[in-house]
C-alpha atoms as a PDB file:
ATOM      1  CA  MET A   1      11.136  14.061  14.595  1.00  0.00           C
ATOM      2  CA  PHE A   2      12.524  11.011  12.742  1.00  0.00           C
ATOM      3  CA  ASP A   3      16.119   9.915  12.381  1.00  0.00           C
ATOM      4  CA  SER A   4      15.633   7.442   9.543  1.00  0.00           C
ATOM      5  CA  ILE A   5      13.547   6.839   6.438  1.00  0.00           C
ATOM      6  CA  SER A   6      12.848   3.569   4.644  1.00  0.00           C
ATOM      7  CA  VAL A   7      11.549   3.700   1.077  1.00  0.00           C
ATOM      8  CA  CYS A   8      10.181   0.523  -0.496  1.00  0.00           C
ATOM      9  CA  LEU A   9      10.995   0.305  -4.204  1.00  0.00           C
ATOM     10  CA  SER A  10       8.609  -2.539  -4.967  1.00  0.00           C
ATOM     11  CA  LYS A  11       5.263  -1.218  -3.774  1.00  0.00           C
ATOM     12  CA  GLY A  12       4.391   2.023  -5.504  1.00  0.00           C
ATOM     13  CA  LEU A  13       7.447   2.203  -7.721  1.00  0.00           C
ATOM     14  CA  GLY A  14       7.129  -1.227  -9.302  1.00  0.00           C
ATOM     15  CA  ALA A  15      10.658  -2.571  -8.792  1.00  0.00           C
ATOM     16  CA  PRO A  16      10.763  -6.360  -8.300  1.00  0.00           C
ATOM     17  CA  VAL A  17      12.382  -6.049  -4.846  1.00  0.00           C
ATOM     18  CA  GLY A  18      14.326  -3.633  -2.726  1.00  0.00           C
ATOM     19  CA  SER A  19      14.262  -0.633  -0.503  1.00  0.00           C
ATOM     20  CA  VAL A  20      16.426   2.341   0.363  1.00  0.00           C
ATOM     21  CA  LEU A  21      17.314   3.082   3.970  1.00  0.00           C
ATOM     22  CA  LEU A  22      18.406   6.586   4.952  1.00  0.00           C
ATOM     23  CA  GLY A  23      19.948   7.651   8.229  1.00  0.00           C
ATOM     24  CA  ASP A  24      23.158   8.882   9.811  1.00  0.00           C
ATOM     25  CA  LYS A  25      26.390   6.865   9.519  1.00  0.00           C
ATOM     26  CA  GLU A  26      25.985   5.107  12.862  1.00  0.00           C
ATOM     27  CA  PHE A  27      22.395   4.093  12.111  1.00  0.00           C
ATOM     28  CA  ILE A  28      23.373   2.669   8.706  1.00  0.00           C
ATOM     29  CA  ARG A  29      26.348   0.836  10.278  1.00  0.00           C
ATOM     30  CA  LYS A  30      23.995  -0.840  12.776  1.00  0.00           C
ATOM     31  CA  ALA A  31      21.453  -1.638  10.057  1.00  0.00           C
ATOM     32  CA  ARG A  32      24.141  -3.306   7.920  1.00  0.00           C
ATOM     33  CA  ARG A  33      25.274  -5.361  10.904  1.00  0.00           C
ATOM     34  CA  ILE A  34      21.718  -6.501  11.648  1.00  0.00           C
ATOM     35  CA  ARG A  35      21.182  -7.347   7.974  1.00  0.00           C
ATOM     36  CA  LYS A  36      24.347  -9.469   7.998  1.00  0.00           C
ATOM     37  CA  VAL A  37      23.356 -11.278  11.220  1.00  0.00           C
ATOM     38  CA  PHE A  38      20.008 -12.219   9.679  1.00  0.00           C
ATOM     39  CA  GLY A  39      21.520 -13.283   6.355  1.00  0.00           C
ATOM     40  CA  GLY A  40      20.081 -10.378   4.395  1.00  0.00           C
ATOM     41  CA  GLY A  41      23.065  -9.830   2.124  1.00  0.00           C
ATOM     42  CA  MET A  42      22.715 -10.484  -1.600  1.00  0.00           C
ATOM     43  CA  ARG A  43      25.250 -11.445  -4.238  1.00  0.00           C
ATOM     44  CA  GLN A  44      25.162 -10.401  -7.881  1.00  0.00           C
ATOM     45  CA  ALA A  45      22.396  -7.941  -7.149  1.00  0.00           C
ATOM     46  CA  GLY A  46      23.206  -5.655 -10.088  1.00  0.00           C
ATOM     47  CA  TYR A  47      20.112  -6.525 -12.113  1.00  0.00           C
ATOM     48  CA  LEU A  48      17.875  -5.905  -9.136  1.00  0.00           C
ATOM     49  CA  ALA A  49      19.693  -2.654  -8.379  1.00  0.00           C
ATOM     50  CA  ALA A  50      19.187  -1.597 -12.003  1.00  0.00           C
ATOM     51  CA  ALA A  51      15.454  -2.253 -11.654  1.00  0.00           C
ATOM     52  CA  GLY A  52      15.395  -0.115  -8.505  1.00  0.00           C
ATOM     53  CA  ILE A  53      17.245   2.702 -10.255  1.00  0.00           C
ATOM     54  CA  TYR A  54      14.806   2.485 -13.172  1.00  0.00           C
ATOM     55  CA  ALA A  55      11.865   2.691 -10.768  1.00  0.00           C
ATOM     56  CA  LEU A  56      13.335   5.767  -9.073  1.00  0.00           C
ATOM     57  CA  ASP A  57      14.068   7.422 -12.421  1.00  0.00           C
ATOM     58  CA  ASN A  58      10.721   6.624 -14.059  1.00  0.00           C
ATOM     59  CA  HIS A  59       7.969   5.968 -11.521  1.00  0.00           C
ATOM     60  CA  VAL A  60       8.259   8.576  -8.770  1.00  0.00           C
ATOM     61  CA  GLU A  61       6.204  11.201 -10.621  1.00  0.00           C
ATOM     62  CA  ARG A  62       3.348   8.769 -11.196  1.00  0.00           C
ATOM     63  CA  LEU A  63       2.946   8.047  -7.467  1.00  0.00           C
ATOM     64  CA  LYS A  64       0.548  11.006  -7.414  1.00  0.00           C
ATOM     65  CA  ASP A  65      -1.776   8.892  -9.595  1.00  0.00           C
ATOM     66  CA  ASP A  66      -1.884   6.211  -6.892  1.00  0.00           C
ATOM     67  CA  HIS A  67      -2.552   8.840  -4.225  1.00  0.00           C
ATOM     68  CA  HIS A  68      -5.312  10.388  -6.335  1.00  0.00           C
ATOM     69  CA  ARG A  69      -7.016   7.020  -6.876  1.00  0.00           C
ATOM     70  CA  ALA A  70      -6.840   6.277  -3.145  1.00  0.00           C
ATOM     71  CA  ALA A  71      -8.447   9.667  -2.437  1.00  0.00           C
ATOM     72  CA  ILE A  72     -11.258   8.915  -4.909  1.00  0.00           C
ATOM     73  CA  LEU A  73     -11.878   5.591  -3.158  1.00  0.00           C
ATOM     74  CA  ALA A  74     -11.947   7.350   0.221  1.00  0.00           C
ATOM     75  CA  ASP A  75     -14.434   9.964  -0.992  1.00  0.00           C
ATOM     76  CA  SER A  76     -16.727   7.225  -2.283  1.00  0.00           C
ATOM     77  CA  LEU A  77     -16.412   4.958   0.747  1.00  0.00           C
ATOM     78  CA  ILE A  78     -17.436   7.589   3.273  1.00  0.00           C
ATOM     79  CA  LYS A  79     -20.826   7.846   1.532  1.00  0.00           C
ATOM     80  CA  LEU A  80     -21.637   4.150   2.012  1.00  0.00           C
ATOM     81  CA  LYS A  81     -23.987   3.215   4.845  1.00  0.00           C
ATOM     82  CA  TRP A  82     -21.876   0.258   6.038  1.00  0.00           C
ATOM     83  CA  ILE A  83     -18.768   2.413   6.529  1.00  0.00           C
ATOM     84  CA  ALA A  84     -18.151   3.865   9.999  1.00  0.00           C
ATOM     85  CA  GLU A  85     -15.027   5.894   9.243  1.00  0.00           C
ATOM     86  CA  VAL A  86     -12.434   6.543   6.563  1.00  0.00           C
ATOM     87  CA  ILE A  87      -9.003   7.562   7.816  1.00  0.00           C
ATOM     88  CA  PRO A  88      -7.803  10.675   5.915  1.00  0.00           C
ATOM     89  CA  VAL A  89      -5.783   9.583   2.880  1.00  0.00           C
ATOM     90  CA  GLU A  90      -2.298  11.009   2.425  1.00  0.00           C
ATOM     91  CA  THR A  91      -0.686   8.333   0.246  1.00  0.00           C
ATOM     92  CA  ASN A  92      -1.752   5.253  -1.688  1.00  0.00           C
ATOM     93  CA  ILE A  93      -2.890   3.484   1.487  1.00  0.00           C
ATOM     94  CA  LEU A  94      -6.569   3.656   2.364  1.00  0.00           C
ATOM     95  CA  ILE A  95      -7.829   2.512   5.759  1.00  0.00           C
ATOM     96  CA  PHE A  96     -11.507   2.417   6.600  1.00  0.00           C
ATOM     97  CA  LYS A  97     -13.665   1.016   9.378  1.00  0.00           C
ATOM     98  CA  VAL A  98     -16.883  -0.898   8.934  1.00  0.00           C
ATOM     99  CA  LYS A  99     -19.920  -0.450  11.169  1.00  0.00           C
ATOM    100  CA  ALA A 100     -20.684  -3.087  13.776  1.00  0.00           C
ATOM    101  CA  PRO A 101     -21.941  -5.765  13.702  1.00  0.00           C
ATOM    102  CA  LEU A 102     -19.884  -6.160  10.504  1.00  0.00           C
ATOM    103  CA  LEU A 103     -16.382  -7.512  10.975  1.00  0.00           C
ATOM    104  CA  ALA A 104     -13.464  -6.436   8.826  1.00  0.00           C
ATOM    105  CA  MET A 105     -12.379 -10.043   8.299  1.00  0.00           C
ATOM    106  CA  ASP A 106     -15.783 -10.965   6.848  1.00  0.00           C
ATOM    107  CA  VAL A 107     -15.862  -7.920   4.570  1.00  0.00           C
ATOM    108  CA  ALA A 108     -12.306  -8.602   3.350  1.00  0.00           C
ATOM    109  CA  ARG A 109     -13.254 -12.218   2.664  1.00  0.00           C
ATOM    110  CA  TYR A 110     -16.299 -11.068   0.662  1.00  0.00           C
ATOM    111  CA  LEU A 111     -14.246  -8.525  -1.287  1.00  0.00           C
ATOM    112  CA  LYS A 112     -11.813 -11.290  -2.209  1.00  0.00           C
ATOM    113  CA  THR A 113     -14.659 -13.272  -3.808  1.00  0.00           C
ATOM    114  CA  LYS A 114     -15.172 -10.221  -6.040  1.00  0.00           C
ATOM    115  CA  GLY A 115     -11.478 -10.073  -6.966  1.00  0.00           C
ATOM    116  CA  LEU A 116     -10.688  -7.159  -4.659  1.00  0.00           C
ATOM    117  CA  LEU A 117      -7.800  -7.865  -2.304  1.00  0.00           C
ATOM    118  CA  SER A 118      -7.748  -6.125   1.051  1.00  0.00           C
ATOM    119  CA  ILE A 119      -6.421  -6.777   4.531  1.00  0.00           C
ATOM    120  CA  ALA A 120      -8.397  -6.752   7.768  1.00  0.00           C
ATOM    121  CA  ILE A 121      -6.007  -4.969  10.119  1.00  0.00           C
ATOM    122  CA  ASP A 122      -8.175  -5.205  13.219  1.00  0.00           C
ATOM    123  CA  LYS A 123     -11.728  -6.143  14.167  1.00  0.00           C
ATOM    124  CA  TYR A 124     -13.318  -3.325  12.152  1.00  0.00           C
ATOM    125  CA  ALA A 125     -10.555  -1.778  10.003  1.00  0.00           C
ATOM    126  CA  ILE A 126      -9.633  -2.728   6.442  1.00  0.00           C
ATOM    127  CA  ARG A 127      -6.660  -1.613   4.377  1.00  0.00           C
ATOM    128  CA  LEU A 128      -6.717  -1.110   0.608  1.00  0.00           C
ATOM    129  CA  VAL A 129      -3.654  -0.052  -1.387  1.00  0.00           C
ATOM    130  CA  THR A 130      -3.454   1.468  -4.850  1.00  0.00           C
ATOM    131  CA  HIS A 131      -0.286   0.780  -6.830  1.00  0.00           C
ATOM    132  CA  LEU A 132       1.502   0.902 -10.173  1.00  0.00           C
ATOM    133  CA  ASP A 133      -0.693  -1.778 -11.742  1.00  0.00           C
ATOM    134  CA  PHE A 134      -3.983  -0.358 -10.409  1.00  0.00           C
ATOM    135  CA  ASN A 135      -5.369   1.689 -13.299  1.00  0.00           C
ATOM    136  CA  ASP A 136      -8.492   3.819 -13.861  1.00  0.00           C
ATOM    137  CA  GLU A 137     -10.429   0.845 -15.217  1.00  0.00           C
ATOM    138  CA  MET A 138      -9.711  -1.083 -12.021  1.00  0.00           C
ATOM    139  CA  LEU A 139     -10.669   1.959  -9.959  1.00  0.00           C
ATOM    140  CA  THR A 140     -14.045   2.091 -11.701  1.00  0.00           C
ATOM    141  CA  GLU A 141     -14.605  -1.631 -11.096  1.00  0.00           C
ATOM    142  CA  THR A 142     -13.555  -1.317  -7.447  1.00  0.00           C
ATOM    143  CA  LEU A 143     -15.982   1.556  -6.909  1.00  0.00           C
ATOM    144  CA  LYS A 144     -18.736  -0.511  -8.517  1.00  0.00           C
ATOM    145  CA  ILE A 145     -18.027  -3.489  -6.236  1.00  0.00           C
ATOM    146  CA  LEU A 146     -17.964  -1.321  -3.109  1.00  0.00           C
ATOM    147  CA  LYS A 147     -21.183   0.515  -4.006  1.00  0.00           C
ATOM    148  CA  GLU A 148     -23.043  -2.743  -4.719  1.00  0.00           C
ATOM    149  CA  ILE A 149     -22.321  -4.155  -1.273  1.00  0.00           C
ATOM    150  CA  SER A 150     -25.365  -4.245   0.975  1.00  0.00           C
ATOM    151  CA  PHE A 151     -24.674  -5.765   4.354  1.00  0.00           C
END
């Protein structure tokens, strides 16, 4: 099905930067070459590597918390009258569509005024992401903001 996997260490795992790329030897050889061509090499990266190792050792188990919070958001969103669809949640990424005549860009802009960052990914779809720093208190506040919206 897939011949490579890329895992970001900074999103859900909380490392300052970095990712892990997995694939066969030839794929990794090509990826290293492309990285070099684009100037992606780093020097003295030990501290950043240590942060990535720490994230892998200490934060993987708590990813389920992010996934759970995203699922709670999805369950709440689908009940709102201005929501057309919520894409089934499998990770910490939540994508939902607003009902016309609403536009995702306008809703995302409004959410930002309430301190809730989101991304309009097309005319009607919005992406929300839960992460290491998104706690239960923030989940409660996010649910409150979403439920109070009346377009």
